[in-house]
Amino acid sequence: MLTRVPDYYEAFHCLAGACPHTCCEKWEVVVDEETARRYQETPGSLGERLREALQTDEEGDFCFPLRGGRCPFLNRENLCEIHRILGAEATSLTCRTHPRFIEEYGPFREVSLCASCPAACDLLLGSTDPLSFLERETAEPEEPGDPWLCGLLPLRERMGWGRAGCAGADASGAGGSASSPAGAAGGIFAPGCGGANPAG
């Protein structure tokens, strides 16, 4: 599957306790079922705190209700106690991936960083170089695209997002790890859309 990311994506690092705007307050993070099961088996005092705090919301999802507007595991240094004691892999899927956002289009995927994150904004706005995107192929199988995809891609091309192929046309420039400036060849691709295939 073709995956597309902005050129600054790999440079992102969480500011942790130094962040001026923590992402661990003012919204309840959903805890995925696999992580919730892990918390049910976590030993010691932290395990007891995890099980005490873990609740289900109106939709039936696991979550940690806020305390004073903050996650109950966000300490005074604005650091996550779960991350600090058990490691990043013990946090929920949302916590592990934020501020990364993934858009699945079937035959391809776009990954970006949320502009509400100060570190992401610094990367995006801290450079005067033209924004470019990196494309790479993964071993994941492609899935059929939605019918509206063939209408979206030509519209993006006209808006300067890059060259897209559809309805039998080839989308050029889809090299495995090539970089392409926004608006140039190799923007958004739709392999498998209406018979289109990216030219390697």
Protein backbone atom coordinates (compact mmCIF):
# COMPACT_ATOMS: atom_id res chain seq x y z
CA MET A 1 0.00 0.00 0.00
CA LEU A 2 1.21 3.48 -0.82
CA THR A 3 1.68 5.67 2.28
CA ARG A 4 2.24 9.41 2.06
CA VAL A 5 3.63 11.65 4.83
CA PRO A 6 4.83 15.28 5.00
CA ASP A 7 8.60 15.69 4.82
CA TYR A 8 8.88 16.77 8.47
CA TYR A 9 6.95 13.76 9.80
CA GLU A 10 9.91 11.67 10.97
CA ALA A 11 11.44 14.67 12.80
CA PHE A 12 8.54 14.85 15.25
CA HIS A 13 9.26 14.30 18.94
CA CYS A 14 6.84 14.86 21.81
CA LEU A 15 7.86 17.74 24.09
CA ALA A 16 6.50 15.81 27.10
CA GLY A 17 6.70 17.89 30.29
CA ALA A 18 8.09 20.88 28.40
CA CYS A 19 4.99 21.18 26.20
CA PRO A 20 3.16 24.50 26.73
CA HIS A 21 -0.17 22.85 25.88
CA THR A 22 -0.49 19.28 27.14
CA CYS A 23 -2.69 16.93 25.12
CA CYS A 24 -3.62 15.06 28.32
CA GLU A 25 -6.28 17.48 29.54
CA LYS A 26 -9.78 18.65 28.61
CA TRP A 27 -10.68 15.52 26.62
CA GLU A 28 -11.28 11.93 27.64
CA VAL A 29 -9.06 9.49 25.83
CA VAL A 30 -10.66 6.23 24.74
CA VAL A 31 -8.72 3.20 25.93
CA ASP A 32 -8.68 0.41 23.36
CA GLU A 33 -9.82 -3.04 24.45
CA GLU A 34 -6.39 -4.66 24.21
CA THR A 35 -4.86 -2.01 26.48
CA ALA A 36 -7.83 -2.23 28.87
CA ARG A 37 -7.22 -5.98 29.20
CA ARG A 38 -3.58 -5.29 29.99
CA TYR A 39 -4.59 -2.85 32.71
CA GLN A 40 -6.82 -5.50 34.27
CA GLU A 41 -3.72 -7.67 34.72
CA THR A 42 -1.21 -4.96 35.72
CA PRO A 43 0.18 -5.74 39.19
CA GLY A 44 1.04 -3.42 42.06
CA SER A 45 -0.30 -0.06 43.16
CA LEU A 46 -0.35 1.31 39.63
CA GLY A 47 -2.50 -1.61 38.52
CA GLU A 48 -4.93 -0.85 41.31
CA ARG A 49 -5.09 2.80 40.23
CA LEU A 50 -5.64 1.80 36.61
CA ARG A 51 -8.53 -0.51 37.44
CA GLU A 52 -10.08 2.07 39.76
CA ALA A 53 -9.91 4.81 37.14
CA LEU A 54 -11.01 2.73 34.14
CA GLN A 55 -14.67 3.36 33.27
CA THR A 56 -16.97 2.90 30.29
CA ASP A 57 -18.61 5.88 28.59
CA GLU A 58 -22.08 6.21 27.07
CA GLU A 59 -20.92 4.50 23.88
CA GLY A 60 -19.54 1.56 25.84
CA ASP A 61 -15.88 2.49 25.25
CA PHE A 62 -13.27 2.26 27.99
CA CYS A 63 -11.88 5.61 29.16
CA PHE A 64 -10.31 7.46 32.07
CA PRO A 65 -12.77 10.16 33.25
CA LEU A 66 -11.00 13.47 33.80
CA ARG A 67 -10.17 14.76 37.24
CA GLY A 68 -10.03 18.52 37.43
CA GLY A 69 -9.97 18.58 33.64
CA ARG A 70 -6.85 16.41 33.46
CA CYS A 71 -6.13 12.74 32.84
CA PRO A 72 -5.86 11.07 36.27
CA PHE A 73 -2.43 9.74 35.27
CA LEU A 74 -0.95 13.12 34.30
CA ASN A 75 1.37 14.08 37.13
CA ARG A 76 2.48 17.50 38.39
CA GLU A 77 5.37 17.57 35.92
CA ASN A 78 2.86 17.04 33.08
CA LEU A 79 4.24 13.56 32.48
CA CYS A 80 2.20 10.39 32.07
CA GLU A 81 2.60 8.01 35.00
CA ILE A 82 1.70 5.03 32.81
CA HIS A 83 4.39 5.94 30.29
CA ARG A 84 6.91 6.73 33.04
CA ILE A 85 6.46 3.45 34.93
CA LEU A 86 5.38 0.90 32.29
CA GLY A 87 6.72 2.45 29.07
CA ALA A 88 5.12 3.92 25.97
CA GLU A 89 3.84 0.52 24.80
CA ALA A 90 1.57 0.35 27.86
CA THR A 91 -0.37 3.49 26.95
CA SER A 92 -3.57 3.35 24.93
CA LEU A 93 -3.53 3.35 21.14
CA THR A 94 -4.71 6.98 21.06
CA CYS A 95 -1.92 8.08 23.39
CA ARG A 96 0.71 6.18 21.41
CA THR A 97 -0.30 7.67 18.08
CA HIS A 98 -1.40 11.25 18.92
CA PRO A 99 -0.85 13.78 17.31
CA ARG A 100 -0.51 11.53 14.27
CA PHE A 101 -3.67 11.22 12.19
CA ILE A 102 -4.21 8.53 9.59
CA GLU A 103 -6.63 8.81 6.69
CA GLU A 104 -7.36 5.52 4.93
CA TYR A 105 -8.47 5.82 1.30
CA GLY A 106 -8.46 2.12 0.43
CA PRO A 107 -5.65 1.85 -2.11
CA PHE A 108 -3.47 4.42 -0.30
CA ARG A 109 -3.01 6.09 3.08
CA GLU A 110 -2.10 9.60 4.24
CA VAL A 111 -0.50 10.26 7.62
CA SER A 112 -0.18 13.76 9.09
CA LEU A 113 0.40 15.59 12.37
CA CYS A 114 -2.36 17.52 14.12
CA ALA A 115 -1.87 21.29 14.11
CA SER A 116 -3.07 21.50 17.74
CA CYS A 117 0.32 20.07 18.79
CA PRO A 118 2.97 22.79 19.40
CA ALA A 119 5.83 20.50 18.32
CA ALA A 120 4.03 19.70 15.06
CA CYS A 121 3.35 23.39 14.42
CA ASP A 122 7.01 24.23 14.98
CA LEU A 123 7.99 21.69 12.34
CA LEU A 124 5.39 22.90 9.85
CA LEU A 125 5.84 26.65 10.32
CA GLY A 126 9.51 26.71 11.31
CA SER A 127 10.82 26.22 7.77
CA THR A 128 10.67 28.44 4.69
CA ASP A 129 11.42 25.53 2.35
CA PRO A 130 8.60 24.34 0.07
CA LEU A 131 6.57 21.61 1.70
CA SER A 132 7.17 18.21 0.16
CA PHE A 133 5.76 14.75 0.76
CA LEU A 134 7.39 11.35 1.03
CA GLU A 135 5.80 8.28 -0.51
CA ARG A 136 6.68 4.74 0.39
CA GLU A 137 5.22 1.33 -0.39
CA THR A 138 4.37 -1.04 2.45
CA ALA A 139 3.62 -4.76 2.36
CA GLU A 140 0.02 -4.17 3.42
CA PRO A 141 -2.57 -5.15 0.81
CA GLU A 142 -4.55 -2.45 -0.94
CA GLU A 143 -8.30 -2.22 -0.52
CA PRO A 144 -10.90 -0.95 -2.99
CA GLY A 145 -11.40 2.81 -2.92
CA ASP A 146 -14.74 4.50 -2.37
CA PRO A 147 -16.59 5.65 -5.51
CA TRP A 148 -16.05 9.33 -4.63
CA LEU A 149 -12.27 8.89 -4.71
CA CYS A 150 -12.08 9.37 -8.48
CA GLY A 151 -13.76 12.76 -8.08
CA LEU A 152 -11.60 13.87 -5.17
CA LEU A 153 -8.23 13.24 -6.75
CA PRO A 154 -8.64 15.41 -9.89
CA LEU A 155 -10.00 18.19 -7.65
CA ARG A 156 -6.90 17.98 -5.49
CA GLU A 157 -4.74 18.19 -8.59
CA ARG A 158 -6.42 21.41 -9.67
CA MET A 159 -5.89 22.81 -6.17
CA GLY A 160 -2.16 22.10 -6.39
CA TRP A 161 -1.99 18.92 -4.29
CA GLY A 162 -0.19 17.02 -6.99
CA ARG A 163 -0.84 14.76 -9.94
CA ALA A 164 -3.43 12.03 -9.51
CA GLY A 165 -4.41 9.21 -11.81
CA CYS A 166 -7.91 7.84 -12.28
CA ALA A 167 -10.26 6.19 -14.78
CA GLY A 168 -7.49 4.36 -16.58
CA ALA A 169 -4.82 7.07 -16.39
CA ASP A 170 -1.46 6.49 -14.73
CA ALA A 171 -0.38 8.52 -11.69
CA SER A 172 3.27 9.23 -12.38
CA GLY A 173 6.03 9.66 -9.88
CA ALA A 174 5.01 7.08 -7.29
CA GLY A 175 8.49 5.88 -6.45
CA GLY A 176 8.88 3.75 -3.35
CA SER A 177 10.65 6.39 -1.23
CA ALA A 178 10.81 9.39 -3.54
CA SER A 179 10.12 12.92 -2.37
CA SER A 180 7.91 15.25 -4.38
CA PRO A 181 7.12 18.93 -3.81
CA ALA A 182 3.51 19.88 -3.28
CA GLY A 183 1.90 20.67 -6.60
CA ALA A 184 4.42 18.64 -8.58
CA ALA A 185 4.25 15.08 -9.84
CA GLY A 186 3.76 12.50 -7.19
CA GLY A 187 1.17 14.20 -5.00
CA ILE A 188 -1.80 11.93 -4.25
CA PHE A 189 -2.16 8.58 -5.94
CA ALA A 190 -5.05 6.21 -6.35
CA PRO A 191 -3.73 2.82 -7.45
CA GLY A 192 -6.62 0.57 -8.31
CA CYS A 193 -9.07 3.47 -8.76
CA GLY A 194 -11.05 2.92 -11.93
CA GLY A 195 -8.21 0.86 -13.35
CA ALA A 196 -5.49 3.39 -12.56
CA ASN A 197 -2.07 2.24 -11.47
CA PRO A 198 0.84 4.38 -10.25
CA ALA A 199 3.82 4.30 -12.54
CA GLY A 200 6.84 3.02 -10.65
